[in-house]
mmCIF file of all heavy atoms, coordinates in Angstrom:
data_MODEL
# 
_entry.id   MODEL 
# 
loop_
_atom_site.group_PDB 
_atom_site.id 
_atom_site.type_symbol 
_atom_site.label_atom_id 
_atom_site.label_alt_id 
_atom_site.label_comp_id 
_atom_site.label_asym_id 
_atom_site.label_entity_id 
_atom_site.label_seq_id 
_atom_site.pdbx_PDB_ins_code 
_atom_site.Cartn_x 
_atom_site.Cartn_y 
_atom_site.Cartn_z 
_atom_site.occupancy 
_atom_site.B_iso_or_equiv 
_atom_site.pdbx_formal_charge 
_atom_site.auth_seq_id 
_atom_site.auth_comp_id 
_atom_site.auth_asym_id 
_atom_site.auth_atom_id 
_atom_site.pdbx_PDB_model_num 
ATOM 1   N N   . ILE A 1 1  ? 66.706 44.859 207.299 1.00 0.00 ? 1  ILE A N   1 
ATOM 2   C CA  . ILE A 1 1  ? 66.648 44.733 205.841 1.00 0.00 ? 1  ILE A CA  1 
ATOM 3   C C   . ILE A 1 1  ? 67.613 45.735 205.198 1.00 0.00 ? 1  ILE A C   1 
ATOM 4   O O   . ILE A 1 1  ? 67.683 46.895 205.599 1.00 0.00 ? 1  ILE A O   1 
ATOM 5   C CB  . ILE A 1 1  ? 65.226 45.005 205.315 1.00 0.00 ? 1  ILE A CB  1 
ATOM 6   C CG1 . ILE A 1 1  ? 64.239 43.948 205.819 1.00 0.00 ? 1  ILE A CG1 1 
ATOM 7   C CG2 . ILE A 1 1  ? 65.211 45.052 203.790 1.00 0.00 ? 1  ILE A CG2 1 
ATOM 8   C CD1 . ILE A 1 1  ? 64.443 42.566 205.246 1.00 0.00 ? 1  ILE A CD1 1 
ATOM 9   N N   . SER A 1 2  ? 68.355 45.284 204.203 1.00 0.00 ? 2  SER A N   1 
ATOM 10  C CA  . SER A 1 2  ? 69.100 46.199 203.341 1.00 0.00 ? 2  SER A CA  1 
ATOM 11  C C   . SER A 1 2  ? 68.798 45.828 201.884 1.00 0.00 ? 2  SER A C   1 
ATOM 12  O O   . SER A 1 2  ? 67.936 44.988 201.621 1.00 0.00 ? 2  SER A O   1 
ATOM 13  C CB  . SER A 1 2  ? 70.608 46.156 203.641 1.00 0.00 ? 2  SER A CB  1 
ATOM 14  O OG  . SER A 1 2  ? 71.158 44.887 203.346 1.00 0.00 ? 2  SER A OG  1 
ATOM 15  N N   . ILE A 1 3  ? 69.481 46.425 200.951 1.00 0.00 ? 3  ILE A N   1 
ATOM 16  C CA  . ILE A 1 3  ? 69.116 46.258 199.543 1.00 0.00 ? 3  ILE A CA  1 
ATOM 17  C C   . ILE A 1 3  ? 69.094 44.785 199.129 1.00 0.00 ? 3  ILE A C   1 
ATOM 18  O O   . ILE A 1 3  ? 68.215 44.351 198.384 1.00 0.00 ? 3  ILE A O   1 
ATOM 19  C CB  . ILE A 1 3  ? 70.090 47.050 198.641 1.00 0.00 ? 3  ILE A CB  1 
ATOM 20  C CG1 . ILE A 1 3  ? 69.926 48.557 198.876 1.00 0.00 ? 3  ILE A CG1 1 
ATOM 21  C CG2 . ILE A 1 3  ? 69.841 46.736 197.168 1.00 0.00 ? 3  ILE A CG2 1 
ATOM 22  C CD1 . ILE A 1 3  ? 70.935 49.406 198.138 1.00 0.00 ? 3  ILE A CD1 1 
ATOM 23  N N   . ASP A 1 4  ? 70.066 44.026 199.623 1.00 0.00 ? 4  ASP A N   1 
ATOM 24  C CA  . ASP A 1 4  ? 70.173 42.625 199.191 1.00 0.00 ? 4  ASP A CA  1 
ATOM 25  C C   . ASP A 1 4  ? 69.248 41.675 199.939 1.00 0.00 ? 4  ASP A C   1 
ATOM 26  O O   . ASP A 1 4  ? 69.201 40.485 199.623 1.00 0.00 ? 4  ASP A O   1 
ATOM 27  C CB  . ASP A 1 4  ? 71.623 42.144 199.341 1.00 0.00 ? 4  ASP A CB  1 
ATOM 28  C CG  . ASP A 1 4  ? 72.514 42.636 198.206 1.00 0.00 ? 4  ASP A CG  1 
ATOM 29  O OD1 . ASP A 1 4  ? 71.978 43.225 197.246 1.00 0.00 ? 4  ASP A OD1 1 
ATOM 30  O OD2 . ASP A 1 4  ? 73.737 42.427 198.281 1.00 0.00 ? 4  ASP A OD2 1 
ATOM 31  N N   . GLY A 1 5  ? 68.541 42.166 200.952 1.00 0.00 ? 5  GLY A N   1 
ATOM 32  C CA  . GLY A 1 5  ? 67.612 41.299 201.671 1.00 0.00 ? 5  GLY A CA  1 
ATOM 33  C C   . GLY A 1 5  ? 67.800 41.349 203.173 1.00 0.00 ? 5  GLY A C   1 
ATOM 34  O O   . GLY A 1 5  ? 68.173 42.381 203.731 1.00 0.00 ? 5  GLY A O   1 
ATOM 35  N N   . LYS A 1 6  ? 67.552 40.218 203.828 1.00 0.00 ? 6  LYS A N   1 
ATOM 36  C CA  . LYS A 1 6  ? 67.674 40.150 205.288 1.00 0.00 ? 6  LYS A CA  1 
ATOM 37  C C   . LYS A 1 6  ? 69.145 40.207 205.686 1.00 0.00 ? 6  LYS A C   1 
ATOM 38  O O   . LYS A 1 6  ? 69.955 39.401 205.231 1.00 0.00 ? 6  LYS A O   1 
ATOM 39  C CB  . LYS A 1 6  ? 67.027 38.874 205.814 1.00 0.00 ? 6  LYS A CB  1 
ATOM 40  C CG  . LYS A 1 6  ? 65.517 38.829 205.617 1.00 0.00 ? 6  LYS A CG  1 
ATOM 41  C CD  . LYS A 1 6  ? 64.915 37.561 206.226 1.00 0.00 ? 6  LYS A CD  1 
ATOM 42  C CE  . LYS A 1 6  ? 63.396 37.554 206.070 1.00 0.00 ? 6  LYS A CE  1 
ATOM 43  N NZ  . LYS A 1 6  ? 62.781 36.330 206.643 1.00 0.00 ? 6  LYS A NZ  1 
ATOM 44  N N   . ILE A 1 7  ? 69.455 41.152 206.578 1.00 0.00 ? 7  ILE A N   1 
ATOM 45  C CA  . ILE A 1 7  ? 70.862 41.413 206.895 1.00 0.00 ? 7  ILE A CA  1 
ATOM 46  C C   . ILE A 1 7  ? 71.485 40.359 207.797 1.00 0.00 ? 7  ILE A C   1 
ATOM 47  O O   . ILE A 1 7  ? 72.696 40.375 208.010 1.00 0.00 ? 7  ILE A O   1 
ATOM 48  C CB  . ILE A 1 7  ? 71.024 42.800 207.560 1.00 0.00 ? 7  ILE A CB  1 
ATOM 49  C CG1 . ILE A 1 7  ? 70.279 42.848 208.908 1.00 0.00 ? 7  ILE A CG1 1 
ATOM 50  C CG2 . ILE A 1 7  ? 70.559 43.898 206.636 1.00 0.00 ? 7  ILE A CG2 1 
ATOM 51  C CD1 . ILE A 1 7  ? 70.565 44.099 209.703 1.00 0.00 ? 7  ILE A CD1 1 
ATOM 52  N N   . GLU A 1 8  ? 70.688 39.425 208.305 1.00 0.00 ? 8  GLU A N   1 
ATOM 53  C CA  . GLU A 1 8  ? 71.228 38.426 209.221 1.00 0.00 ? 8  GLU A CA  1 
ATOM 54  C C   . GLU A 1 8  ? 72.350 37.618 208.575 1.00 0.00 ? 8  GLU A C   1 
ATOM 55  O O   . GLU A 1 8  ? 73.174 37.013 209.278 1.00 0.00 ? 8  GLU A O   1 
ATOM 56  C CB  . GLU A 1 8  ? 70.113 37.492 209.689 1.00 0.00 ? 8  GLU A CB  1 
ATOM 57  C CG  . GLU A 1 8  ? 69.450 36.724 208.567 1.00 0.00 ? 8  GLU A CG  1 
ATOM 58  C CD  . GLU A 1 8  ? 68.161 36.035 208.987 1.00 0.00 ? 8  GLU A CD  1 
ATOM 59  O OE1 . GLU A 1 8  ? 67.524 36.488 209.958 1.00 0.00 ? 8  GLU A OE1 1 
ATOM 60  O OE2 . GLU A 1 8  ? 67.795 35.040 208.337 1.00 0.00 ? 8  GLU A OE2 1 
ATOM 61  N N   . ASN A 1 9  ? 72.409 37.617 207.255 1.00 0.00 ? 9  ASN A N   1 
ATOM 62  C CA  . ASN A 1 9  ? 73.448 36.870 206.555 1.00 0.00 ? 9  ASN A CA  1 
ATOM 63  C C   . ASN A 1 9  ? 74.752 37.647 206.405 1.00 0.00 ? 9  ASN A C   1 
ATOM 64  O O   . ASN A 1 9  ? 75.758 37.076 205.987 1.00 0.00 ? 9  ASN A O   1 
ATOM 65  C CB  . ASN A 1 9  ? 72.943 36.462 205.164 1.00 0.00 ? 9  ASN A CB  1 
ATOM 66  C CG  . ASN A 1 9  ? 71.768 35.513 205.241 1.00 0.00 ? 9  ASN A CG  1 
ATOM 67  O OD1 . ASN A 1 9  ? 71.850 34.468 205.868 1.00 0.00 ? 9  ASN A OD1 1 
ATOM 68  N ND2 . ASN A 1 9  ? 70.654 35.882 204.611 1.00 0.00 ? 9  ASN A ND2 1 
ATOM 69  N N   . TRP A 1 10 ? 74.748 38.959 206.723 1.00 0.00 ? 10 TRP A N   1 
ATOM 70  C CA  . TRP A 1 10 ? 75.982 39.738 206.594 1.00 0.00 ? 10 TRP A CA  1 
ATOM 71  C C   . TRP A 1 10 ? 76.143 40.803 207.685 1.00 0.00 ? 10 TRP A C   1 
ATOM 72  O O   . TRP A 1 10 ? 77.087 41.580 207.649 1.00 0.00 ? 10 TRP A O   1 
ATOM 73  C CB  . TRP A 1 10 ? 76.065 40.402 205.216 1.00 0.00 ? 10 TRP A CB  1 
ATOM 74  C CG  . TRP A 1 10 ? 74.815 41.132 204.792 1.00 0.00 ? 10 TRP A CG  1 
ATOM 75  C CD1 . TRP A 1 10 ? 74.451 42.402 205.095 1.00 0.00 ? 10 TRP A CD1 1 
ATOM 76  C CD2 . TRP A 1 10 ? 73.768 40.604 203.964 1.00 0.00 ? 10 TRP A CD2 1 
ATOM 77  N NE1 . TRP A 1 10 ? 73.239 42.713 204.531 1.00 0.00 ? 10 TRP A NE1 1 
ATOM 78  C CE2 . TRP A 1 10 ? 72.800 41.633 203.823 1.00 0.00 ? 10 TRP A CE2 1 
ATOM 79  C CE3 . TRP A 1 10 ? 73.553 39.386 203.329 1.00 0.00 ? 10 TRP A CE3 1 
ATOM 80  C CZ2 . TRP A 1 10 ? 71.629 41.456 203.074 1.00 0.00 ? 10 TRP A CZ2 1 
ATOM 81  C CZ3 . TRP A 1 10 ? 72.389 39.218 202.590 1.00 0.00 ? 10 TRP A CZ3 1 
ATOM 82  C CH2 . TRP A 1 10 ? 71.450 40.236 202.457 1.00 0.00 ? 10 TRP A CH2 1 
ATOM 83  N N   . PHE A 1 11 ? 75.250 40.816 208.657 1.00 0.00 ? 11 PHE A N   1 
ATOM 84  C CA  . PHE A 1 11 ? 75.374 41.789 209.759 1.00 0.00 ? 11 PHE A CA  1 
ATOM 85  C C   . PHE A 1 11 ? 74.866 41.106 211.015 1.00 0.00 ? 11 PHE A C   1 
ATOM 86  O O   . PHE A 1 11 ? 73.668 41.089 211.280 1.00 0.00 ? 11 PHE A O   1 
ATOM 87  C CB  . PHE A 1 11 ? 74.553 43.044 209.443 1.00 0.00 ? 11 PHE A CB  1 
ATOM 88  C CG  . PHE A 1 11 ? 74.724 44.175 210.437 1.00 0.00 ? 11 PHE A CG  1 
ATOM 89  C CD1 . PHE A 1 11 ? 75.967 44.734 210.675 1.00 0.00 ? 11 PHE A CD1 1 
ATOM 90  C CD2 . PHE A 1 11 ? 73.635 44.687 211.119 1.00 0.00 ? 11 PHE A CD2 1 
ATOM 91  C CE1 . PHE A 1 11 ? 76.124 45.783 211.581 1.00 0.00 ? 11 PHE A CE1 1 
ATOM 92  C CE2 . PHE A 1 11 ? 73.768 45.732 212.019 1.00 0.00 ? 11 PHE A CE2 1 
ATOM 93  C CZ  . PHE A 1 11 ? 75.022 46.276 212.252 1.00 0.00 ? 11 PHE A CZ  1 
ATOM 94  N N   . GLY A 1 12 ? 75.790 40.536 211.776 1.00 0.00 ? 12 GLY A N   1 
ATOM 95  C CA  . GLY A 1 12 ? 75.364 39.694 212.885 1.00 0.00 ? 12 GLY A CA  1 
ATOM 96  C C   . GLY A 1 12 ? 75.816 40.118 214.256 1.00 0.00 ? 12 GLY A C   1 
ATOM 97  O O   . GLY A 1 12 ? 75.580 39.404 215.232 1.00 0.00 ? 12 GLY A O   1 
ATOM 98  N N   . GLU A 1 13 ? 76.466 41.299 214.366 1.00 0.00 ? 13 GLU A N   1 
ATOM 99  C CA  . GLU A 1 13 ? 76.967 41.660 215.689 1.00 0.00 ? 13 GLU A CA  1 
ATOM 100 C C   . GLU A 1 13 ? 75.845 42.073 216.639 1.00 0.00 ? 13 GLU A C   1 
ATOM 101 O O   . GLU A 1 13 ? 74.754 42.452 216.210 1.00 0.00 ? 13 GLU A O   1 
ATOM 102 C CB  . GLU A 1 13 ? 77.991 42.797 215.602 1.00 0.00 ? 13 GLU A CB  1 
ATOM 103 C CG  . GLU A 1 13 ? 77.442 44.135 215.152 1.00 0.00 ? 13 GLU A CG  1 
ATOM 104 C CD  . GLU A 1 13 ? 78.111 44.588 213.883 1.00 0.00 ? 13 GLU A CD  1 
ATOM 105 O OE1 . GLU A 1 13 ? 78.260 43.749 212.967 1.00 0.00 ? 13 GLU A OE1 1 
ATOM 106 O OE2 . GLU A 1 13 ? 78.483 45.779 213.811 1.00 0.00 ? 13 GLU A OE2 1 
ATOM 107 N N   . ASN A 1 14 ? 76.140 42.031 217.915 1.00 0.00 ? 14 ASN A N   1 
ATOM 108 C CA  . ASN A 1 14 ? 75.230 42.501 218.949 1.00 0.00 ? 14 ASN A CA  1 
ATOM 109 C C   . ASN A 1 14 ? 75.415 44.015 219.066 1.00 0.00 ? 14 ASN A C   1 
ATOM 110 O O   . ASN A 1 14 ? 76.404 44.483 219.635 1.00 0.00 ? 14 ASN A O   1 
ATOM 111 C CB  . ASN A 1 14 ? 75.537 41.804 220.277 1.00 0.00 ? 14 ASN A CB  1 
ATOM 112 C CG  . ASN A 1 14 ? 74.534 42.147 221.367 1.00 0.00 ? 14 ASN A CG  1 
ATOM 113 O OD1 . ASN A 1 14 ? 74.161 43.307 221.544 1.00 0.00 ? 14 ASN A OD1 1 
ATOM 114 N ND2 . ASN A 1 14 ? 74.097 41.138 222.098 1.00 0.00 ? 14 ASN A ND2 1 
ATOM 115 N N   . VAL A 1 15 ? 74.492 44.769 218.491 1.00 0.00 ? 15 VAL A N   1 
ATOM 116 C CA  . VAL A 1 15 ? 74.637 46.226 218.420 1.00 0.00 ? 15 VAL A CA  1 
ATOM 117 C C   . VAL A 1 15 ? 74.654 46.835 219.816 1.00 0.00 ? 15 VAL A C   1 
ATOM 118 O O   . VAL A 1 15 ? 75.422 47.761 220.103 1.00 0.00 ? 15 VAL A O   1 
ATOM 119 C CB  . VAL A 1 15 ? 73.524 46.846 217.554 1.00 0.00 ? 15 VAL A CB  1 
ATOM 120 C CG1 . VAL A 1 15 ? 73.550 48.374 217.635 1.00 0.00 ? 15 VAL A CG1 1 
ATOM 121 C CG2 . VAL A 1 15 ? 73.675 46.401 216.103 1.00 0.00 ? 15 VAL A CG2 1 
ATOM 122 N N   . ARG A 1 16 ? 73.826 46.322 220.718 1.00 0.00 ? 16 ARG A N   1 
ATOM 123 C CA  . ARG A 1 16 ? 73.810 46.837 222.082 1.00 0.00 ? 16 ARG A CA  1 
ATOM 124 C C   . ARG A 1 16 ? 75.186 46.714 222.718 1.00 0.00 ? 16 ARG A C   1 
ATOM 125 O O   . ARG A 1 16 ? 75.732 47.697 223.253 1.00 0.00 ? 16 ARG A O   1 
ATOM 126 C CB  . ARG A 1 16 ? 72.769 46.104 222.927 1.00 0.00 ? 16 ARG A CB  1 
ATOM 127 C CG  . ARG A 1 16 ? 72.927 46.368 224.433 1.00 0.00 ? 16 ARG A CG  1 
ATOM 128 C CD  . ARG A 1 16 ? 71.875 45.685 225.276 1.00 0.00 ? 16 ARG A CD  1 
ATOM 129 N NE  . ARG A 1 16 ? 70.651 46.464 225.287 1.00 0.00 ? 16 ARG A NE  1 
ATOM 130 C CZ  . ARG A 1 16 ? 70.427 47.511 226.079 1.00 0.00 ? 16 ARG A CZ  1 
ATOM 131 N NH1 . ARG A 1 16 ? 71.359 47.923 226.927 1.00 0.00 ? 16 ARG A NH1 1 
ATOM 132 N NH2 . ARG A 1 16 ? 69.294 48.163 226.029 1.00 0.00 ? 16 ARG A NH2 1 
ATOM 133 N N   . GLU A 1 17 ? 75.756 45.537 222.676 1.00 0.00 ? 17 GLU A N   1 
ATOM 134 C CA  . GLU A 1 17 ? 77.061 45.326 223.316 1.00 0.00 ? 17 GLU A CA  1 
ATOM 135 C C   . GLU A 1 17 ? 78.150 46.130 222.621 1.00 0.00 ? 17 GLU A C   1 
ATOM 136 O O   . GLU A 1 17 ? 79.072 46.628 223.268 1.00 0.00 ? 17 GLU A O   1 
ATOM 137 C CB  . GLU A 1 17 ? 77.398 43.841 223.329 1.00 0.00 ? 17 GLU A CB  1 
ATOM 138 C CG  . GLU A 1 17 ? 76.475 43.028 224.239 1.00 0.00 ? 17 GLU A CG  1 
ATOM 139 C CD  . GLU A 1 17 ? 76.824 41.554 224.257 1.00 0.00 ? 17 GLU A CD  1 
ATOM 140 O OE1 . GLU A 1 17 ? 77.772 41.147 223.542 1.00 0.00 ? 17 GLU A OE1 1 
ATOM 141 O OE2 . GLU A 1 17 ? 76.152 40.801 224.987 1.00 0.00 ? 17 GLU A OE2 1 
ATOM 142 N N   . ARG A 1 18 ? 78.025 46.258 221.308 1.00 0.00 ? 18 ARG A N   1 
ATOM 143 C CA  . ARG A 1 18 ? 78.999 47.068 220.568 1.00 0.00 ? 18 ARG A CA  1 
ATOM 144 C C   . ARG A 1 18 ? 79.010 48.501 221.077 1.00 0.00 ? 18 ARG A C   1 
ATOM 145 O O   . ARG A 1 18 ? 80.067 49.060 221.370 1.00 0.00 ? 18 ARG A O   1 
ATOM 146 C CB  . ARG A 1 18 ? 78.659 47.020 219.075 1.00 0.00 ? 18 ARG A CB  1 
ATOM 147 C CG  . ARG A 1 18 ? 79.445 47.992 218.208 1.00 0.00 ? 18 ARG A CG  1 
ATOM 148 C CD  . ARG A 1 18 ? 78.973 47.920 216.755 1.00 0.00 ? 18 ARG A CD  1 
ATOM 149 N NE  . ARG A 1 18 ? 79.440 49.050 215.977 1.00 0.00 ? 18 ARG A NE  1 
ATOM 150 C CZ  . ARG A 1 18 ? 79.124 49.270 214.702 1.00 0.00 ? 18 ARG A CZ  1 
ATOM 151 N NH1 . ARG A 1 18 ? 78.316 48.421 214.075 1.00 0.00 ? 18 ARG A NH1 1 
ATOM 152 N NH2 . ARG A 1 18 ? 79.584 50.331 214.058 1.00 0.00 ? 18 ARG A NH2 1 
ATOM 153 N N   . PHE A 1 19 ? 77.829 49.103 221.210 1.00 0.00 ? 19 PHE A N   1 
ATOM 154 C CA  . PHE A 1 19 ? 77.771 50.507 221.627 1.00 0.00 ? 19 PHE A CA  1 
ATOM 155 C C   . PHE A 1 19 ? 78.048 50.667 223.123 1.00 0.00 ? 19 PHE A C   1 
ATOM 156 O O   . PHE A 1 19 ? 78.604 51.685 223.543 1.00 0.00 ? 19 PHE A O   1 
ATOM 157 C CB  . PHE A 1 19 ? 76.441 51.134 221.209 1.00 0.00 ? 19 PHE A CB  1 
ATOM 158 C CG  . PHE A 1 19 ? 76.483 51.666 219.810 1.00 0.00 ? 19 PHE A CG  1 
ATOM 159 C CD1 . PHE A 1 19 ? 76.356 50.814 218.719 1.00 0.00 ? 19 PHE A CD1 1 
ATOM 160 C CD2 . PHE A 1 19 ? 76.691 53.012 219.566 1.00 0.00 ? 19 PHE A CD2 1 
ATOM 161 C CE1 . PHE A 1 19 ? 76.428 51.288 217.415 1.00 0.00 ? 19 PHE A CE1 1 
ATOM 162 C CE2 . PHE A 1 19 ? 76.761 53.509 218.275 1.00 0.00 ? 19 PHE A CE2 1 
ATOM 163 C CZ  . PHE A 1 19 ? 76.632 52.641 217.181 1.00 0.00 ? 19 PHE A CZ  1 
ATOM 164 N N   . GLU A 1 20 ? 77.689 49.699 223.906 1.00 0.00 ? 20 GLU A N   1 
ATOM 165 C CA  . GLU A 1 20 ? 78.057 49.757 225.325 1.00 0.00 ? 20 GLU A CA  1 
ATOM 166 C C   . GLU A 1 20 ? 79.568 49.718 225.478 1.00 0.00 ? 20 GLU A C   1 
ATOM 167 O O   . GLU A 1 20 ? 80.126 50.384 226.365 1.00 0.00 ? 20 GLU A O   1 
ATOM 168 C CB  . GLU A 1 20 ? 77.392 48.614 226.088 1.00 0.00 ? 20 GLU A CB  1 
ATOM 169 C CG  . GLU A 1 20 ? 75.895 48.816 226.294 1.00 0.00 ? 20 GLU A CG  1 
ATOM 170 C CD  . GLU A 1 20 ? 75.219 47.641 226.984 1.00 0.00 ? 20 GLU A CD  1 
ATOM 171 O OE1 . GLU A 1 20 ? 75.810 46.536 226.999 1.00 0.00 ? 20 GLU A OE1 1 
ATOM 172 O OE2 . GLU A 1 20 ? 74.091 47.828 227.501 1.00 0.00 ? 20 GLU A OE2 1 
ATOM 173 N N   . SER A 1 21 ? 80.246 48.970 224.612 1.00 0.00 ? 21 SER A N   1 
ATOM 174 C CA  . SER A 1 21 ? 81.710 48.924 224.675 1.00 0.00 ? 21 SER A CA  1 
ATOM 175 C C   . SER A 1 21 ? 82.334 50.245 224.261 1.00 0.00 ? 21 SER A C   1 
ATOM 176 O O   . SER A 1 21 ? 83.471 50.552 224.626 1.00 0.00 ? 21 SER A O   1 
ATOM 177 C CB  . SER A 1 21 ? 82.254 47.790 223.803 1.00 0.00 ? 21 SER A CB  1 
ATOM 178 O OG  . SER A 1 21 ? 82.192 48.116 222.425 1.00 0.00 ? 21 SER A OG  1 
ATOM 179 N N   . TYR A 1 22 ? 81.603 51.046 223.473 1.00 0.00 ? 22 TYR A N   1 
ATOM 180 C CA  . TYR A 1 22 ? 82.049 52.395 223.123 1.00 0.00 ? 22 TYR A CA  1 
ATOM 181 C C   . TYR A 1 22 ? 81.813 53.392 224.267 1.00 0.00 ? 22 TYR A C   1 
ATOM 182 O O   . TYR A 1 22 ? 82.124 54.573 224.137 1.00 0.00 ? 22 TYR A O   1 
ATOM 183 C CB  . TYR A 1 22 ? 81.267 52.935 221.920 1.00 0.00 ? 22 TYR A CB  1 
ATOM 184 C CG  . TYR A 1 22 ? 81.460 52.261 220.597 1.00 0.00 ? 22 TYR A CG  1 
ATOM 185 C CD1 . TYR A 1 22 ? 80.424 52.288 219.662 1.00 0.00 ? 22 TYR A CD1 1 
ATOM 186 C CD2 . TYR A 1 22 ? 82.649 51.641 220.245 1.00 0.00 ? 22 TYR A CD2 1 
ATOM 187 C CE1 . TYR A 1 22 ? 80.563 51.706 218.417 1.00 0.00 ? 22 TYR A CE1 1 
ATOM 188 C CE2 . TYR A 1 22 ? 82.800 51.044 219.005 1.00 0.00 ? 22 TYR A CE2 1 
ATOM 189 C CZ  . TYR A 1 22 ? 81.751 51.072 218.087 1.00 0.00 ? 22 TYR A CZ  1 
ATOM 190 O OH  . TYR A 1 22 ? 81.890 50.499 216.854 1.00 0.00 ? 22 TYR A OH  1 
ATOM 191 N N   . ASN A 1 23 ? 81.204 52.949 225.331 1.00 0.00 ? 23 ASN A N   1 
ATOM 192 C CA  . ASN A 1 23 ? 80.804 53.808 226.454 1.00 0.00 ? 23 ASN A CA  1 
ATOM 193 C C   . ASN A 1 23 ? 79.607 54.688 226.092 1.00 0.00 ? 23 ASN A C   1 
ATOM 194 O O   . ASN A 1 23 ? 79.523 55.848 226.469 1.00 0.00 ? 23 ASN A O   1 
ATOM 195 C CB  . ASN A 1 23 ? 81.960 54.671 226.968 1.00 0.00 ? 23 ASN A CB  1 
ATOM 196 C CG  . ASN A 1 23 ? 81.693 55.224 228.357 1.00 0.00 ? 23 ASN A CG  1 
ATOM 197 O OD1 . ASN A 1 23 ? 81.088 54.561 229.197 1.00 0.00 ? 23 ASN A OD1 1 
ATOM 198 N ND2 . ASN A 1 23 ? 82.150 56.442 228.612 1.00 0.00 ? 23 ASN A ND2 1 
ATOM 199 N N   . TRP A 1 24 ? 78.669 54.092 225.353 1.00 0.00 ? 24 TRP A N   1 
ATOM 200 C CA  . TRP A 1 24 ? 77.396 54.739 225.060 1.00 0.00 ? 24 TRP A CA  1 
ATOM 201 C C   . TRP A 1 24 ? 76.321 54.199 225.997 1.00 0.00 ? 24 TRP A C   1 
ATOM 202 O O   . TRP A 1 24 ? 76.403 53.089 226.510 1.00 0.00 ? 24 TRP A O   1 
ATOM 203 C CB  . TRP A 1 24 ? 76.963 54.440 223.624 1.00 0.00 ? 24 TRP A CB  1 
ATOM 204 C CG  . TRP A 1 24 ? 77.618 55.266 222.563 1.00 0.00 ? 24 TRP A CG  1 
ATOM 205 C CD1 . TRP A 1 24 ? 78.953 55.434 222.355 1.00 0.00 ? 24 TRP A CD1 1 
ATOM 206 C CD2 . TRP A 1 24 ? 76.958 56.014 221.529 1.00 0.00 ? 24 TRP A CD2 1 
ATOM 207 N NE1 . TRP A 1 24 ? 79.179 56.231 221.263 1.00 0.00 ? 24 TRP A NE1 1 
ATOM 208 C CE2 . TRP A 1 24 ? 77.966 56.606 220.736 1.00 0.00 ? 24 TRP A CE2 1 
ATOM 209 C CE3 . TRP A 1 24 ? 75.622 56.231 221.191 1.00 0.00 ? 24 TRP A CE3 1 
ATOM 210 C CZ2 . TRP A 1 24 ? 77.669 57.410 219.629 1.00 0.00 ? 24 TRP A CZ2 1 
ATOM 211 C CZ3 . TRP A 1 24 ? 75.336 57.029 220.097 1.00 0.00 ? 24 TRP A CZ3 1 
ATOM 212 C CH2 . TRP A 1 24 ? 76.345 57.613 219.318 1.00 0.00 ? 24 TRP A CH2 1 
ATOM 213 N N   . ASN A 1 25 ? 75.304 55.015 226.194 1.00 0.00 ? 25 ASN A N   1 
ATOM 214 C CA  . ASN A 1 25 ? 74.075 54.577 226.828 1.00 0.00 ? 25 ASN A CA  1 
ATOM 215 C C   . ASN A 1 25 ? 73.206 53.969 225.724 1.00 0.00 ? 25 ASN A C   1 
ATOM 216 O O   . ASN A 1 25 ? 73.021 54.576 224.677 1.00 0.00 ? 25 ASN A O   1 
ATOM 217 C CB  . ASN A 1 25 ? 73.385 55.792 227.464 1.00 0.00 ? 25 ASN A CB  1 
ATOM 218 C CG  . ASN A 1 25 ? 71.990 55.505 227.956 1.00 0.00 ? 25 ASN A CG  1 
ATOM 219 O OD1 . ASN A 1 25 ? 71.751 54.460 228.549 1.00 0.00 ? 25 ASN A OD1 1 
ATOM 220 N ND2 . ASN A 1 25 ? 71.067 56.424 227.712 1.00 0.00 ? 25 ASN A ND2 1 
ATOM 221 N N   . VAL A 1 26 ? 72.700 52.775 225.932 1.00 0.00 ? 26 VAL A N   1 
ATOM 222 C CA  . VAL A 1 26 ? 71.876 52.114 224.920 1.00 0.00 ? 26 VAL A CA  1 
ATOM 223 C C   . VAL A 1 26 ? 70.490 51.857 225.495 1.00 0.00 ? 26 VAL A C   1 
ATOM 224 O O   . VAL A 1 26 ? 70.351 51.288 226.582 1.00 0.00 ? 26 VAL A O   1 
ATOM 225 C CB  . VAL A 1 26 ? 72.501 50.792 224.445 1.00 0.00 ? 26 VAL A CB  1 
ATOM 226 C CG1 . VAL A 1 26 ? 71.631 50.159 223.351 1.00 0.00 ? 26 VAL A CG1 1 
ATOM 227 C CG2 . VAL A 1 26 ? 73.916 51.022 223.915 1.00 0.00 ? 26 VAL A CG2 1 
ATOM 228 N N   . ILE A 1 27 ? 69.481 52.289 224.769 1.00 0.00 ? 27 ILE A N   1 
ATOM 229 C CA  . ILE A 1 27 ? 68.084 52.081 225.163 1.00 0.00 ? 27 ILE A CA  1 
ATOM 230 C C   . ILE A 1 27 ? 67.422 51.176 224.125 1.00 0.00 ? 27 ILE A C   1 
ATOM 231 O O   . ILE A 1 27 ? 67.539 51.405 222.929 1.00 0.00 ? 27 ILE A O   1 
ATOM 232 C CB  . ILE A 1 27 ? 67.330 53.422 225.253 1.00 0.00 ? 27 ILE A CB  1 
ATOM 233 C CG1 . ILE A 1 27 ? 67.953 54.330 226.309 1.00 0.00 ? 27 ILE A CG1 1 
ATOM 234 C CG2 . ILE A 1 27 ? 65.847 53.198 225.542 1.00 0.00 ? 27 ILE A CG2 1 
ATOM 235 C CD1 . ILE A 1 27 ? 67.367 55.728 226.344 1.00 0.00 ? 27 ILE A CD1 1 
# 
């Protein structure tokens, strides 16, 4: 959720894969 409502309409990336690509450990 953000101010305008459900973020699925403007934030759709796979956060896990994004941070794994940065060479982060994701839990």
